Amino acid sequence: METFVYKPKGVCSREMRFEMDGDIIQNVTIVGGCAGNLLGISRILRGKHIDEVLDSFEGVRCGGKQTSCPDQIAKALKEYRKTV
């Protein structure tokens, strides 16, 4: 199991911690942002393959912003892939 930490940009959350088993997400902890929504998203992500998450989260926007927490999760997972 490996831990990957990502600092999101352009959103309210300040840090995303991923516990990974290869391409499978075991756990996600998000610091800052909309606590209830992000806790729900974290629970949904458990046991998911990176590709499933990228298909669903990449490009999602929040209001008038160019990004969102789900989009930042997708960016984080792409960065993680570069490290393994």
C-alpha atoms as a PDB file:
ATOM      1  CA  MET A   1       0.000   0.000   0.000  1.00  0.00           C
ATOM      2  CA  GLU A   2       1.305   3.449  -0.919  1.00  0.00           C
ATOM      3  CA  THR A   3       0.262   6.940   0.222  1.00  0.00           C
ATOM      4  CA  PHE A   4       0.174   9.771  -2.323  1.00  0.00           C
ATOM      5  CA  VAL A   5      -0.382  13.402  -1.261  1.00  0.00           C
ATOM      6  CA  TYR A   6      -1.679  16.039  -3.691  1.00  0.00           C
ATOM      7  CA  LYS A   7      -2.119  19.798  -3.208  1.00  0.00           C
ATOM      8  CA  PRO A   8      -5.196  20.813  -5.243  1.00  0.00           C
ATOM      9  CA  LYS A   9      -5.366  24.121  -7.098  1.00  0.00           C
ATOM     10  CA  GLY A  10      -8.350  26.407  -7.665  1.00  0.00           C
ATOM     11  CA  VAL A  11     -10.650  24.760  -5.096  1.00  0.00           C
ATOM     12  CA  CYS A  12     -11.441  25.093  -1.386  1.00  0.00           C
ATOM     13  CA  SER A  13      -9.782  21.844  -0.344  1.00  0.00           C
ATOM     14  CA  ARG A  14      -6.114  22.163   0.644  1.00  0.00           C
ATOM     15  CA  GLU A  15      -4.809  18.600   0.553  1.00  0.00           C
ATOM     16  CA  MET A  16      -5.826  15.206  -0.795  1.00  0.00           C
ATOM     17  CA  ARG A  17      -4.267  12.003   0.588  1.00  0.00           C
ATOM     18  CA  PHE A  18      -4.717   8.788  -1.326  1.00  0.00           C
ATOM     19  CA  GLU A  19      -3.928   5.324  -0.023  1.00  0.00           C
ATOM     20  CA  MET A  20      -3.338   3.248  -3.123  1.00  0.00           C
ATOM     21  CA  ASP A  21      -2.866  -0.433  -3.872  1.00  0.00           C
ATOM     22  CA  GLY A  22      -1.567  -0.226  -7.424  1.00  0.00           C
ATOM     23  CA  ASP A  23      -4.380   1.318  -9.511  1.00  0.00           C
ATOM     24  CA  ILE A  24      -7.000   0.661  -6.807  1.00  0.00           C
ATOM     25  CA  ILE A  25      -7.980   3.410  -4.360  1.00  0.00           C
ATOM     26  CA  GLN A  26      -8.121   2.081  -0.806  1.00  0.00           C
ATOM     27  CA  ASN A  27      -8.881   5.350   0.994  1.00  0.00           C
ATOM     28  CA  VAL A  28      -9.013   9.112   0.354  1.00  0.00           C
ATOM     29  CA  THR A  29      -8.727  11.848   2.977  1.00  0.00           C
ATOM     30  CA  ILE A  30      -9.462  15.416   1.899  1.00  0.00           C
ATOM     31  CA  VAL A  31      -8.526  18.398   4.066  1.00  0.00           C
ATOM     32  CA  GLY A  32     -10.672  21.514   3.668  1.00  0.00           C
ATOM     33  CA  GLY A  33     -13.547  22.029   1.266  1.00  0.00           C
ATOM     34  CA  CYS A  34     -17.183  20.980   1.721  1.00  0.00           C
ATOM     35  CA  ALA A  35     -16.808  18.367   4.458  1.00  0.00           C
ATOM     36  CA  GLY A  36     -19.993  16.371   3.889  1.00  0.00           C
ATOM     37  CA  ASN A  37     -19.700  16.232   0.108  1.00  0.00           C
ATOM     38  CA  LEU A  38     -16.035  15.302   0.205  1.00  0.00           C
ATOM     39  CA  LEU A  39     -16.580  12.630   2.843  1.00  0.00           C
ATOM     40  CA  GLY A  40     -19.251  11.122   0.592  1.00  0.00           C
ATOM     41  CA  ILE A  41     -16.957  11.265  -2.435  1.00  0.00           C
ATOM     42  CA  SER A  42     -14.160   9.659  -0.401  1.00  0.00           C
ATOM     43  CA  ARG A  43     -16.417   6.758   0.549  1.00  0.00           C
ATOM     44  CA  ILE A  44     -17.571   6.275  -3.040  1.00  0.00           C
ATOM     45  CA  LEU A  45     -13.948   6.089  -4.219  1.00  0.00           C
ATOM     46  CA  ARG A  46     -12.977   3.165  -1.959  1.00  0.00           C
ATOM     47  CA  GLY A  47     -12.148   0.097  -4.008  1.00  0.00           C
ATOM     48  CA  LYS A  48     -12.418   1.931  -7.348  1.00  0.00           C
ATOM     49  CA  HIS A  49      -9.920   1.593 -10.174  1.00  0.00           C
ATOM     50  CA  ILE A  50      -8.240   4.840 -11.269  1.00  0.00           C
ATOM     51  CA  ASP A  51      -9.769   4.585 -14.764  1.00  0.00           C
ATOM     52  CA  GLU A  52     -13.324   4.514 -13.354  1.00  0.00           C
ATOM     53  CA  VAL A  53     -12.678   7.712 -11.435  1.00  0.00           C
ATOM     54  CA  LEU A  54     -11.003   9.490 -14.343  1.00  0.00           C
ATOM     55  CA  ASP A  55     -13.965   8.698 -16.609  1.00  0.00           C
ATOM     56  CA  SER A  56     -16.415  10.175 -14.092  1.00  0.00           C
ATOM     57  CA  PHE A  57     -14.519  13.076 -12.484  1.00  0.00           C
ATOM     58  CA  GLU A  58     -12.261  14.565 -15.159  1.00  0.00           C
ATOM     59  CA  GLY A  59     -13.508  17.936 -16.430  1.00  0.00           C
ATOM     60  CA  VAL A  60     -16.203  18.470 -13.779  1.00  0.00           C
ATOM     61  CA  ARG A  61     -16.541  22.178 -12.926  1.00  0.00           C
ATOM     62  CA  CYS A  62     -17.761  23.910  -9.784  1.00  0.00           C
ATOM     63  CA  GLY A  63     -19.931  26.931 -10.576  1.00  0.00           C
ATOM     64  CA  GLY A  64     -17.939  29.370 -12.718  1.00  0.00           C
ATOM     65  CA  LYS A  65     -14.573  27.820 -11.813  1.00  0.00           C
ATOM     66  CA  GLN A  66     -12.517  25.949 -14.384  1.00  0.00           C
ATOM     67  CA  THR A  67     -12.125  23.015 -11.976  1.00  0.00           C
ATOM     68  CA  SER A  68     -13.740  21.320  -8.964  1.00  0.00           C
ATOM     69  CA  CYS A  69     -12.761  18.908  -6.211  1.00  0.00           C
ATOM     70  CA  PRO A  70     -13.744  15.904  -8.383  1.00  0.00           C
ATOM     71  CA  ASP A  71     -11.660  17.323 -11.263  1.00  0.00           C
ATOM     72  CA  GLN A  72      -8.734  17.853  -8.860  1.00  0.00           C
ATOM     73  CA  ILE A  73      -9.083  14.231  -7.704  1.00  0.00           C
ATOM     74  CA  ALA A  74      -8.737  13.179 -11.358  1.00  0.00           C
ATOM     75  CA  LYS A  75      -5.656  15.386 -11.735  1.00  0.00           C
ATOM     76  CA  ALA A  76      -4.188  13.909  -8.546  1.00  0.00           C
ATOM     77  CA  LEU A  77      -4.691  10.374  -9.798  1.00  0.00           C
ATOM     78  CA  LYS A  78      -2.996  11.249 -13.105  1.00  0.00           C
ATOM     79  CA  GLU A  79      -0.035  12.620 -11.125  1.00  0.00           C
ATOM     80  CA  TYR A  80       0.045   9.461  -9.017  1.00  0.00           C
ATOM     81  CA  ARG A  81       0.247   7.345 -12.167  1.00  0.00           C
ATOM     82  CA  LYS A  82       3.369   9.250 -13.220  1.00  0.00           C
ATOM     83  CA  THR A  83       5.092   8.211  -9.977  1.00  0.00           C
ATOM     84  CA  VAL A  84       4.492   4.466 -10.256  1.00  0.00           C
END
